[in-house]
Protein backbone atom coordinates (compact mmCIF):
# COMPACT_ATOMS: atom_id res chain seq x y z
CA MET A 1 3.18 -13.01 -65.07
CA THR A 2 4.17 -15.87 -62.72
CA GLY A 3 1.08 -17.74 -61.56
CA VAL A 4 -1.27 -15.99 -63.98
CA GLY A 5 -2.05 -19.24 -65.81
CA SER A 6 -3.25 -20.93 -62.64
CA TRP A 7 -5.40 -17.93 -61.72
CA LEU A 8 -7.07 -17.94 -65.13
CA ALA A 9 -7.70 -21.69 -64.90
CA ALA A 10 -9.31 -21.22 -61.48
CA ALA A 11 -11.78 -18.74 -62.94
CA SER A 12 -12.86 -20.86 -65.93
CA THR A 13 -15.83 -22.49 -64.18
CA LEU A 14 -17.42 -19.21 -63.22
CA THR A 15 -16.77 -17.39 -66.48
CA VAL A 16 -18.80 -20.09 -68.22
CA LEU A 17 -21.67 -19.25 -65.86
CA ALA A 18 -21.45 -15.62 -66.92
CA GLY A 19 -22.63 -16.57 -70.38
CA SER A 20 -25.39 -18.85 -69.15
CA GLY A 21 -27.54 -16.55 -67.02
CA ALA A 22 -25.95 -16.87 -63.57
CA GLY A 23 -27.36 -14.55 -60.94
CA THR A 24 -25.70 -11.92 -58.81
CA ALA A 25 -23.35 -13.16 -56.11
CA THR A 26 -21.52 -11.32 -53.35
CA ALA A 27 -18.60 -12.04 -51.05
CA VAL A 28 -18.96 -14.52 -48.19
CA GLY A 29 -17.75 -13.92 -44.66
CA ALA A 30 -16.59 -10.96 -42.62
CA GLY A 31 -12.97 -11.63 -43.62
CA ILE A 32 -13.55 -10.32 -47.13
CA GLY A 33 -12.45 -6.71 -47.46
CA PRO A 34 -13.88 -4.04 -49.79
CA MET A 35 -13.29 -4.27 -53.52
CA GLU A 36 -10.35 -2.34 -54.93
CA SER A 37 -11.07 1.37 -55.21
CA ALA A 38 -11.23 1.56 -59.01
CA PRO A 39 -14.59 0.28 -60.31
CA ALA A 40 -14.70 -2.16 -63.20
CA LEU A 41 -13.66 -0.50 -66.48
CA ALA A 42 -13.52 2.94 -64.85
CA GLY A 43 -13.32 5.72 -67.43
CA LEU A 44 -15.29 3.91 -70.13
CA ALA A 45 -18.26 6.20 -70.63
CA ASN A 46 -21.89 5.05 -70.74
CA LEU A 47 -21.16 1.39 -70.08
CA ARG A 48 -23.93 -0.38 -68.14
CA GLN A 49 -22.56 -3.49 -66.41
CA GLU A 50 -24.34 -6.29 -64.58
CA VAL A 51 -22.57 -7.82 -61.57
CA VAL A 52 -22.47 -11.61 -61.88
CA PHE A 53 -19.97 -12.42 -59.10
CA ALA A 54 -18.33 -10.15 -56.53
CA GLY A 55 -15.64 -11.59 -54.27
CA THR A 56 -16.56 -15.20 -55.01
CA VAL A 57 -13.84 -17.57 -53.76
CA VAL A 58 -12.49 -20.01 -56.36
CA ASN A 59 -9.70 -22.36 -55.25
CA GLY A 60 -8.32 -19.88 -52.74
CA ASN A 61 -8.59 -16.77 -54.95
CA ARG A 62 -11.34 -14.16 -55.24
CA LEU A 63 -13.21 -13.54 -58.48
CA ASP A 64 -15.15 -10.43 -59.53
CA LEU A 65 -17.12 -10.81 -62.76
CA ASN A 66 -19.34 -8.37 -64.68
CA ARG A 67 -21.07 -8.74 -68.05
CA PHE A 68 -22.61 -6.23 -70.45
CA VAL A 69 -24.00 -5.58 -73.92
CA ASP A 70 -22.95 -2.32 -75.57
CA GLU A 71 -23.91 -0.63 -78.85
CA ARG A 72 -20.28 0.16 -79.70
CA SER A 73 -18.29 -2.31 -81.80
CA ALA A 74 -15.88 -4.74 -80.20
CA GLU A 75 -12.96 -3.02 -81.93
CA VAL A 76 -13.95 0.42 -80.58
CA LEU A 77 -14.38 -0.90 -77.04
CA ARG A 78 -11.09 -2.77 -77.22
CA GLU A 79 -9.17 0.37 -78.20
CA GLU A 80 -10.92 2.52 -75.57
CA VAL A 81 -10.12 0.02 -72.80
CA ARG A 82 -6.55 -0.41 -74.05
CA ARG A 83 -6.09 3.39 -73.89
CA ILE A 84 -7.37 3.42 -70.26
CA TRP A 85 -5.31 0.43 -69.16
CA LEU A 86 -2.08 1.77 -70.74
CA ARG A 87 -2.12 4.52 -68.10
CA ARG A 88 -1.15 1.80 -65.62
CA PRO A 89 2.44 0.52 -65.39
CA ALA A 90 1.94 -3.11 -66.54
CA PRO A 91 1.70 -4.06 -70.25
CA VAL A 92 -1.63 -4.96 -71.85
CA HIS A 93 -1.69 -8.39 -73.52
CA SER A 94 -3.99 -9.01 -76.51
CA SER A 95 -5.23 -12.37 -77.76
CA SER A 96 -8.30 -14.11 -79.20
CA ARG A 97 -10.11 -17.19 -77.92
CA ASP A 98 -13.23 -18.98 -79.20
CA GLY A 99 -14.47 -15.89 -81.02
CA TRP A 100 -13.67 -13.50 -78.14
CA ILE A 101 -11.27 -10.55 -78.35
CA VAL A 102 -9.30 -10.69 -75.09
CA LEU A 103 -7.29 -8.04 -73.22
CA THR A 104 -5.40 -9.05 -70.05
CA GLN A 105 -3.33 -6.98 -67.62
CA VAL A 106 -1.71 -7.58 -64.24
CA ASN A 107 -2.91 -4.77 -61.96
CA GLY A 108 -1.22 -4.88 -58.57
CA SER A 109 -2.16 -8.19 -56.91
CA SER A 110 -4.87 -8.88 -59.51
CA VAL A 111 -5.21 -10.18 -63.05
CA GLU A 112 -7.80 -8.14 -64.96
CA THR A 113 -9.36 -9.45 -68.19
CA LEU A 114 -11.80 -8.03 -70.74
CA GLU A 115 -13.51 -10.30 -73.29
CA LEU A 116 -15.50 -8.92 -76.23
CA ARG A 117 -17.36 -10.45 -79.17
CA PRO A 118 -19.91 -9.20 -81.73
CA LEU A 119 -23.59 -9.68 -80.91
CA GLY A 120 -25.56 -8.61 -83.98
CA HIS A 121 -24.85 -4.89 -84.39
CA ALA A 122 -23.76 -4.64 -80.73
CA THR A 123 -21.02 -6.17 -78.55
CA GLN A 124 -21.25 -8.73 -75.76
CA GLY A 125 -18.63 -8.25 -73.07
CA ARG A 126 -17.28 -9.80 -69.87
CA TRP A 127 -14.90 -8.14 -67.44
CA TRP A 128 -13.35 -10.13 -64.64
CA ARG A 129 -10.67 -9.75 -62.01
CA LEU A 130 -8.94 -12.56 -60.13
CA ARG A 131 -7.20 -11.61 -56.89
CA LYS A 132 -4.85 -13.57 -54.67
CA GLY A 133 -6.13 -14.69 -51.30
CA ASP A 134 -9.49 -15.97 -50.08
CA GLY A 135 -9.98 -13.55 -47.19
CA GLY A 136 -9.90 -16.38 -44.66
CA LEU A 137 -12.51 -18.51 -46.41
CA ALA A 138 -10.44 -21.68 -46.79
CA GLU A 139 -12.19 -23.07 -43.72
CA ALA A 140 -15.52 -22.76 -45.57
CA SER A 141 -14.70 -25.95 -47.52
CA ALA A 142 -12.30 -27.68 -45.11
CA TRP A 143 -14.99 -29.60 -43.22
CA LEU A 144 -16.61 -30.77 -46.49
CA GLU A 145 -13.26 -32.00 -47.75
CA ALA A 146 -12.77 -33.86 -44.46
CA ALA A 147 -15.88 -35.92 -45.29
CA LEU A 148 -14.38 -37.21 -48.57
CA PRO A 149 -13.09 -40.79 -48.79
CA ALA A 150 -9.39 -41.21 -48.01
CA GLY A 151 -7.20 -40.58 -51.05
CA SER A 152 -9.70 -38.32 -52.83
CA GLN A 153 -8.38 -35.58 -55.09
CA VAL A 154 -10.06 -32.17 -54.77
CA LEU A 155 -10.46 -30.49 -58.17
CA ASP A 156 -12.43 -27.33 -57.34
CA ARG A 157 -13.53 -25.32 -54.32
CA ILE A 158 -16.06 -22.49 -54.73
CA ALA A 159 -17.66 -20.37 -52.00
CA HIS A 160 -20.12 -17.51 -52.45
CA GLN A 161 -23.31 -15.88 -51.26
CA ASP A 162 -26.41 -15.66 -53.43
CA ASP A 163 -29.89 -14.37 -52.55
CA GLY A 164 -29.21 -14.46 -48.82
CA ARG A 165 -27.73 -17.98 -48.82
CA ARG A 166 -24.12 -18.89 -48.11
CA MET A 167 -22.92 -21.73 -50.30
CA THR A 168 -19.82 -23.86 -50.78
CA THR A 169 -19.18 -26.43 -53.51
CA VAL A 170 -16.40 -29.02 -53.49
CA VAL A 171 -15.65 -31.17 -56.55
CA ALA A 172 -13.40 -34.21 -56.10
CA THR A 173 -12.59 -37.61 -57.58
CA THR A 174 -11.84 -41.00 -56.03
CA PHE A 175 -10.89 -44.49 -57.23
CA ALA A 176 -13.22 -46.03 -54.64
CA PRO A 177 -16.37 -47.75 -56.00
CA ALA A 178 -19.42 -45.46 -56.16
CA ALA A 179 -21.37 -47.33 -53.47
CA GLU A 180 -18.38 -47.38 -51.12
CA ALA A 181 -17.57 -43.70 -51.69
CA SER A 182 -21.22 -42.73 -51.17
CA ALA A 183 -21.51 -44.73 -47.94
CA GLU A 184 -18.33 -43.18 -46.54
CA LEU A 185 -19.43 -39.65 -47.44
CA VAL A 186 -22.86 -40.06 -45.89
CA SER A 187 -21.42 -41.70 -42.77
CA MET A 188 -18.96 -38.85 -42.21
CA LEU A 189 -21.69 -36.22 -42.65
CA GLN A 190 -23.98 -38.09 -40.27
CA ARG A 191 -21.24 -38.04 -37.64
CA SER A 192 -21.32 -34.25 -37.99
CA GLY A 193 -25.02 -34.17 -37.18
CA PHE A 194 -26.58 -34.34 -40.66
CA THR A 195 -29.51 -36.63 -41.39
CA ILE A 196 -30.59 -38.05 -44.75
CA GLN A 197 -33.62 -36.37 -46.30
CA ALA A 198 -36.05 -38.11 -48.67
CA ARG A 199 -36.33 -35.92 -51.74
CA ASN A 200 -37.16 -36.34 -55.43
CA SER A 201 -34.84 -34.53 -57.81
CA PRO A 202 -35.33 -35.14 -61.56
CA SER A 203 -32.12 -33.19 -62.29
CA PHE A 204 -30.12 -36.02 -60.72
CA VAL A 205 -31.78 -38.84 -62.66
CA GLY A 206 -29.12 -40.91 -64.44
CA ASP A 207 -26.39 -43.44 -63.73
CA GLY A 208 -25.06 -41.59 -60.67
CA LEU A 209 -26.11 -41.57 -57.03
CA ALA A 210 -27.55 -38.57 -55.16
CA PHE A 211 -28.13 -37.89 -51.48
CA PHE A 212 -29.60 -34.97 -49.57
CA LEU A 213 -28.78 -34.31 -45.93
CA ALA A 214 -29.80 -31.58 -43.49
CA ARG A 215 -28.64 -30.19 -40.16
CA GLY A 216 -30.94 -27.47 -38.91
CA ALA A 217 -30.89 -24.67 -41.51
CA GLU A 218 -27.99 -26.31 -43.38
CA GLU A 219 -28.33 -28.62 -46.36
CA VAL A 220 -25.85 -30.75 -48.28
CA ALA A 221 -26.52 -32.28 -51.71
CA VAL A 222 -24.08 -35.06 -52.67
CA THR A 223 -23.76 -36.59 -56.13
CA VAL A 224 -21.46 -39.45 -57.12
CA SER A 225 -21.03 -40.39 -60.79
CA GLU A 226 -18.59 -42.09 -63.16
CA HIS A 227 -15.93 -39.86 -64.69
CA ALA A 228 -12.93 -40.97 -66.76
CA GLY A 229 -12.41 -44.22 -64.87
CA ARG A 230 -12.92 -42.61 -61.47
CA ARG A 231 -15.89 -41.57 -59.39
CA ALA A 232 -16.64 -37.83 -59.42
CA MET A 233 -18.09 -36.45 -56.18
CA VAL A 234 -19.80 -33.07 -55.95
CA LEU A 235 -20.83 -31.69 -52.55
CA HIS A 236 -23.08 -28.59 -52.41
CA TRP A 237 -23.52 -27.07 -48.96
CA GLY A 238 -25.83 -24.15 -48.23
CA ARG A 239 -27.44 -22.27 -45.38
CA ALA A 240 -29.29 -19.00 -44.86
CA ALA A 241 -26.88 -16.11 -44.46
CA PRO A 242 -26.92 -14.46 -41.02
């Protein structure tokens, strides 16, 4: 189970989105190979799953995430999935977390997890798989990270494709003052050919700073805000997928 903890931590941001209405996402870039041959929860009859993320890159690992609602009880589903997973060589680990029944198993180069909890007379479920390797997508965030002020600490890197757009998000912190960090970020992006765009965005109203830049079909949204004695910087880059 070496490294499993770090994989699960890397997936935490996106599993939260699964419960909040996130849309379908697919893998970015030609370097991503096909999903593993066995479909999610293969062998569990009459289960209708919705794909939330497929091959999304999170901190250098790939995440597949499905969600579902099923009429069977959480206990019945847990035992059916346990029976299926026990056919594989690795042990199945059981736990509970925040009202969820959790099953976890290492399956080859992946960590596979099922989460279940009652929803009225039915069961709400999430299945996700975290796999080593980003399929060559590390470069998708490298140029954004290069624009960060010197000494910044990168906390999260996420890359995915959604509704025909390729997107990368980098979250970092710095001790530099907000105005200084913002000026350095914008200056570095301008050197790469981006220009500042005038845009109103009520979602960014608050104590932080927000900037929008564009370069042809590409856009970058930058926010800088106070966070635990540091400045938190979030860079969202997107462009139409080819």
